[in-house]
Amino acid sequence: MPSFFANIENFLEIFLGMKPRLVVYRLKFMKFAHLVKVGKYISIGGK
């Protein structure tokens, strides 16, 4: 998945170059986005 590796690069860029508070925000956003994807997958698979 190219997008996955791109996200890793973006994360490293932010982690190394930005303030810790923004890193925490980014982590929360990524976790939220992951939960949304999982929720959609479960709802589709469950029906």
Protein backbone atom coordinates (compact mmCIF):
# COMPACT_ATOMS: atom_id res chain seq x y z
CA MET A 1 0.00 0.00 0.00
CA PRO A 2 1.81 3.14 -1.22
CA SER A 3 -0.52 5.38 0.78
CA PHE A 4 0.47 3.59 3.99
CA PHE A 5 4.15 4.34 3.44
CA ALA A 6 3.31 7.91 2.48
CA ASN A 7 1.49 8.28 5.80
CA ILE A 8 4.59 6.95 7.60
CA GLU A 9 6.74 9.55 5.85
CA ASN A 10 4.29 12.32 6.72
CA PHE A 11 4.19 11.16 10.32
CA LEU A 12 7.99 11.10 10.60
CA GLU A 13 8.16 14.56 9.03
CA ILE A 14 5.66 15.94 11.53
CA PHE A 15 7.18 14.03 14.45
CA LEU A 16 10.68 15.33 13.73
CA GLY A 17 9.77 18.82 12.57
CA MET A 18 6.80 20.01 14.62
CA LYS A 19 5.71 20.61 18.18
CA PRO A 20 4.80 17.63 20.40
CA ARG A 21 1.25 18.91 20.77
CA LEU A 22 0.75 18.67 17.01
CA VAL A 23 2.20 15.15 17.05
CA VAL A 24 -0.38 14.13 19.64
CA TYR A 25 -3.12 15.69 17.52
CA ARG A 26 -1.86 13.81 14.47
CA LEU A 27 -1.80 10.51 16.37
CA LYS A 28 -5.36 11.06 17.60
CA PHE A 29 -6.51 11.90 14.08
CA MET A 30 -4.84 8.80 12.62
CA LYS A 31 -6.39 6.61 15.32
CA PHE A 32 -9.81 8.15 14.69
CA ALA A 33 -9.48 7.63 10.93
CA HIS A 34 -8.46 4.00 11.54
CA LEU A 35 -11.46 3.43 13.80
CA VAL A 36 -13.77 4.90 11.15
CA LYS A 37 -12.34 2.52 8.51
CA VAL A 38 -12.71 -0.45 10.85
CA GLY A 39 -16.25 0.58 11.73
CA LYS A 40 -17.21 0.82 8.05
CA TYR A 41 -15.65 -2.57 7.36
CA ILE A 42 -17.51 -4.17 10.28
CA SER A 43 -20.84 -2.59 9.33
CA ILE A 44 -20.44 -3.78 5.71
CA GLY A 45 -19.32 -7.26 6.76
CA GLY A 46 -22.05 -7.58 9.37
CA LYS A 47 -24.97 -6.93 7.03
